[in-house]
């Protein structure tokens, strides 16, 4: 993704109340299914304007936010300046799908509605596995299989959602254990309803 496909969308990204509600549903699902601790250092992959980051920041020590959209990062940077988060925030804007850079040891990786913008998902799962400490967690939310109508412009979209069992198998093939997947929310648009899943898994000891 060389072009910033979110340049226009980022300006009013949080004015969509249904989008904001969906992210809250995802955050609530993560909070219910993962034992977050005040000592945790997390990565929010595809952090966007920081909607998920903000919800989770109440429960952890630090969140590393990672997004390749300059416009989304600018919106997030303004929030950081205004101290809108409840933990330390560190921004990294490099493309993890193209460049492997060292992170500090991570206690968990979270993500909301980003993976369908990644071409090589199986390779990404392997990267996630390497970045995590032993017994740390993975919590990823994304679209279930849809008919291609979710995005009015499909530029930068590699997957029309995912079959839940296929996604689960990619995570397990990367080495994760105790993986479970469930429908966590439904994105409603004028032209359809689109289920969203939450995948939670653990790196073994």
Protein backbone atom coordinates (compact mmCIF):
# COMPACT_ATOMS: atom_id res chain seq x y z
CA UNK A 1 0.00 0.00 0.00
CA UNK A 2 2.12 2.89 -1.28
CA UNK A 3 -0.70 5.41 -1.72
CA UNK A 4 -2.49 6.73 1.37
CA UNK A 5 -5.98 5.42 0.63
CA UNK A 6 -7.27 6.91 3.88
CA UNK A 7 -6.27 10.48 3.09
CA UNK A 8 -9.86 11.67 2.69
CA UNK A 9 -11.53 9.15 4.99
CA UNK A 10 -9.31 10.01 7.97
CA UNK A 11 -10.74 13.52 8.33
CA UNK A 12 -14.20 12.32 9.29
CA UNK A 13 -13.35 8.79 10.35
CA UNK A 14 -14.83 9.08 13.83
CA UNK A 15 -17.99 10.91 12.77
CA UNK A 16 -19.51 7.55 11.79
CA UNK A 17 -21.26 6.51 15.00
CA UNK A 18 -21.76 2.93 13.84
CA UNK A 19 -18.03 2.57 13.17
CA UNK A 20 -17.25 3.95 16.62
CA UNK A 21 -19.76 1.53 18.20
CA UNK A 22 -18.24 -1.42 16.35
CA UNK A 23 -14.78 -0.63 17.65
CA UNK A 24 -16.19 -0.40 21.18
CA UNK A 25 -17.75 -3.84 20.70
CA UNK A 26 -14.36 -5.15 19.59
CA UNK A 27 -12.60 -3.53 22.55
CA UNK A 28 -15.18 -4.94 24.97
CA UNK A 29 -14.63 -8.39 23.44
CA UNK A 30 -10.88 -8.12 23.93
CA UNK A 31 -11.33 -6.98 27.52
CA UNK A 32 -13.64 -9.94 28.22
CA UNK A 33 -11.43 -12.55 26.58
CA UNK A 34 -7.91 -11.41 27.47
CA UNK A 35 -6.33 -10.87 30.88
CA UNK A 36 -4.98 -7.35 30.38
CA UNK A 37 -2.50 -6.16 32.99
CA UNK A 38 -1.18 -2.75 33.99
CA UNK A 39 2.34 -3.94 33.20
CA UNK A 40 1.47 -4.92 29.59
CA UNK A 41 3.16 -3.49 26.51
CA UNK A 42 0.96 -3.99 23.43
CA UNK A 43 1.12 -3.40 19.69
CA UNK A 44 -1.98 -1.99 17.97
CA UNK A 45 -1.50 -3.06 14.36
CA UNK A 46 -3.31 -0.73 11.96
CA UNK A 47 -4.14 1.70 14.74
CA UNK A 48 -5.85 4.27 12.51
CA UNK A 49 -7.09 7.25 14.51
CA UNK A 50 -6.66 5.35 17.77
CA UNK A 51 -10.23 4.25 18.47
CA UNK A 52 -9.25 0.79 19.72
CA UNK A 53 -6.07 2.15 21.33
CA UNK A 54 -8.07 4.55 23.48
CA UNK A 55 -10.38 1.86 24.88
CA UNK A 56 -7.53 -0.50 25.69
CA UNK A 57 -5.20 2.20 27.06
CA UNK A 58 -7.12 2.20 30.36
CA UNK A 59 -5.86 -1.28 31.16
CA UNK A 60 -2.19 -1.43 30.12
CA UNK A 61 1.18 0.29 30.58
CA UNK A 62 2.07 1.12 26.99
CA UNK A 63 0.71 0.73 23.45
CA UNK A 64 2.90 0.88 20.35
CA UNK A 65 0.66 2.18 17.55
CA UNK A 66 1.52 1.13 14.00
CA UNK A 67 -0.17 2.37 10.83
CA UNK A 68 1.21 3.20 7.39
CA UNK A 69 -1.45 5.84 6.62
CA UNK A 70 0.13 9.26 7.13
CA UNK A 71 -3.27 10.92 7.40
CA UNK A 72 -4.50 8.47 10.04
CA UNK A 73 -1.25 8.93 11.95
CA UNK A 74 -1.72 12.70 11.88
CA UNK A 75 -5.16 12.36 13.50
CA UNK A 76 -3.69 10.04 16.12
CA UNK A 77 -0.73 12.30 16.73
CA UNK A 78 -3.09 15.18 17.60
CA UNK A 79 -4.84 12.96 20.15
CA UNK A 80 -1.51 12.05 21.72
CA UNK A 81 -0.65 15.75 22.03
CA UNK A 82 -3.96 16.31 23.81
CA UNK A 83 -3.25 13.46 26.25
CA UNK A 84 -6.40 11.58 25.26
CA UNK A 85 -4.94 8.19 26.22
CA UNK A 86 -4.55 6.57 29.62
CA UNK A 87 -1.17 4.92 29.02
CA UNK A 88 2.11 5.67 27.25
CA UNK A 89 1.77 5.75 23.45
CA UNK A 90 4.66 5.17 21.05
CA UNK A 91 4.12 5.65 17.31
CA UNK A 92 5.80 3.54 14.61
CA UNK A 93 4.71 4.14 11.01
CA UNK A 94 6.85 1.64 9.08
CA UNK A 95 5.17 -1.05 6.98
CA UNK A 96 5.50 -4.29 8.95
CA UNK A 97 4.47 -6.27 5.89
CA UNK A 98 7.57 -5.09 4.03
CA UNK A 99 10.14 -4.40 6.74
CA UNK A 100 10.91 -6.33 9.90
CA UNK A 101 12.08 -3.96 12.63
CA UNK A 102 12.77 -4.91 16.24
CA UNK A 103 10.10 -4.11 18.80
CA UNK A 104 10.56 -4.34 22.51
CA UNK A 105 9.15 -7.63 23.84
CA UNK A 106 5.36 -7.54 23.53
CA UNK A 107 2.73 -8.85 25.92
CA UNK A 108 0.02 -8.73 23.28
CA UNK A 109 -0.99 -7.64 19.78
CA UNK A 110 -4.39 -6.13 19.03
CA UNK A 111 -5.92 -5.08 15.72
CA UNK A 112 -9.26 -3.86 14.43
CA UNK A 113 -10.40 -4.08 10.78
CA UNK A 114 -6.89 -4.01 9.31
CA UNK A 115 -5.91 -7.52 8.25
CA UNK A 116 -8.05 -7.46 5.08
CA UNK A 117 -5.69 -4.74 3.84
CA UNK A 118 -2.74 -7.16 4.13
CA UNK A 119 -1.90 -9.42 1.21
CA UNK A 120 0.19 -12.13 2.88
CA UNK A 121 -1.79 -12.88 6.02
CA UNK A 122 -0.04 -16.16 6.83
CA UNK A 123 3.34 -14.40 6.81
CA UNK A 124 1.95 -11.64 9.04
CA UNK A 125 0.81 -14.24 11.59
CA UNK A 126 4.36 -15.63 11.65
CA UNK A 127 5.72 -12.13 12.26
CA UNK A 128 3.25 -11.61 15.09
CA UNK A 129 4.36 -14.90 16.66
CA UNK A 130 8.01 -13.80 16.64
CA UNK A 131 7.23 -10.42 18.20
CA UNK A 132 5.38 -11.78 21.22
CA UNK A 133 6.77 -12.98 24.53
CA UNK A 134 5.95 -16.51 25.58
CA UNK A 135 2.41 -16.86 26.95
CA UNK A 136 1.44 -13.51 25.40
CA UNK A 137 -1.76 -12.98 23.44
CA UNK A 138 -3.07 -12.17 19.99
CA UNK A 139 -6.47 -10.45 19.58
CA UNK A 140 -7.50 -9.63 16.01
CA UNK A 141 -10.86 -8.41 14.74
CA UNK A 142 -11.85 -8.26 11.08
CA UNK A 143 -14.60 -8.85 8.56
CA UNK A 144 -16.13 -12.25 8.03
CA UNK A 145 -16.44 -13.31 4.39
CA UNK A 146 -18.45 -10.71 2.43
CA UNK A 147 -19.46 -10.22 -1.20
CA UNK A 148 -17.12 -7.33 -1.94
CA UNK A 149 -19.63 -4.57 -1.21
CA UNK A 150 -18.29 -3.51 2.19
CA UNK A 151 -15.84 -1.07 0.60
CA UNK A 152 -17.21 1.27 -2.02
CA UNK A 153 -13.64 1.60 -3.27
CA UNK A 154 -11.70 -1.67 -3.13
CA UNK A 155 -8.30 -0.08 -3.77
CA UNK A 156 -5.91 -1.34 -1.11
CA UNK A 157 -8.23 -4.21 -0.15
CA UNK A 158 -6.76 -7.70 -0.58
CA UNK A 159 -9.51 -9.79 1.01
CA UNK A 160 -13.30 -9.54 1.02
CA UNK A 161 -13.33 -10.63 4.62
CA UNK A 162 -12.22 -14.05 5.83
CA UNK A 163 -13.70 -17.45 6.43
CA UNK A 164 -13.41 -17.79 10.19
CA UNK A 165 -12.10 -21.37 10.16
CA UNK A 166 -9.51 -20.53 7.50
CA UNK A 167 -8.31 -17.55 9.52
CA UNK A 168 -8.16 -19.71 12.64
CA UNK A 169 -6.01 -22.27 10.81
CA UNK A 170 -3.53 -19.58 9.70
CA UNK A 171 -3.09 -18.50 13.30
CA UNK A 172 -2.61 -22.07 14.51
CA UNK A 173 -0.19 -22.83 11.67
CA UNK A 174 1.95 -19.91 12.89
CA UNK A 175 2.31 -21.67 16.25
CA UNK A 176 -0.40 -20.11 18.40
CA UNK A 177 -2.45 -22.21 20.80
CA UNK A 178 -5.80 -21.90 22.61
CA UNK A 179 -7.18 -20.09 19.58
CA UNK A 180 -10.86 -19.27 19.49
CA UNK A 181 -12.90 -17.16 17.11
CA UNK A 182 -16.38 -15.68 17.43
CA UNK A 183 -18.61 -13.10 15.80
CA UNK A 184 -18.20 -10.00 17.97
CA UNK A 185 -20.11 -7.26 16.14
CA UNK A 186 -22.00 -6.40 12.95
CA UNK A 187 -21.10 -3.41 10.78
CA UNK A 188 -24.29 -1.90 9.38
CA UNK A 189 -24.25 0.06 6.14
CA UNK A 190 -27.15 1.33 4.01
CA UNK A 191 -26.53 -1.52 1.58
CA UNK A 192 -25.95 -4.42 3.97
CA UNK A 193 -24.87 -5.90 7.29
CA UNK A 194 -21.35 -7.28 7.70
CA UNK A 195 -20.39 -9.55 10.62
CA UNK A 196 -17.06 -8.94 12.34
CA UNK A 197 -15.11 -11.67 14.16
CA UNK A 198 -12.68 -11.55 17.05
CA UNK A 199 -9.81 -14.07 17.06
CA UNK A 200 -8.01 -14.59 20.38
CA UNK A 201 -4.98 -16.87 20.73
CA UNK A 202 -1.87 -17.38 22.85
CA UNK A 203 1.82 -17.96 22.24
CA UNK A 204 2.85 -21.10 24.12
CA UNK A 205 5.25 -21.08 27.06
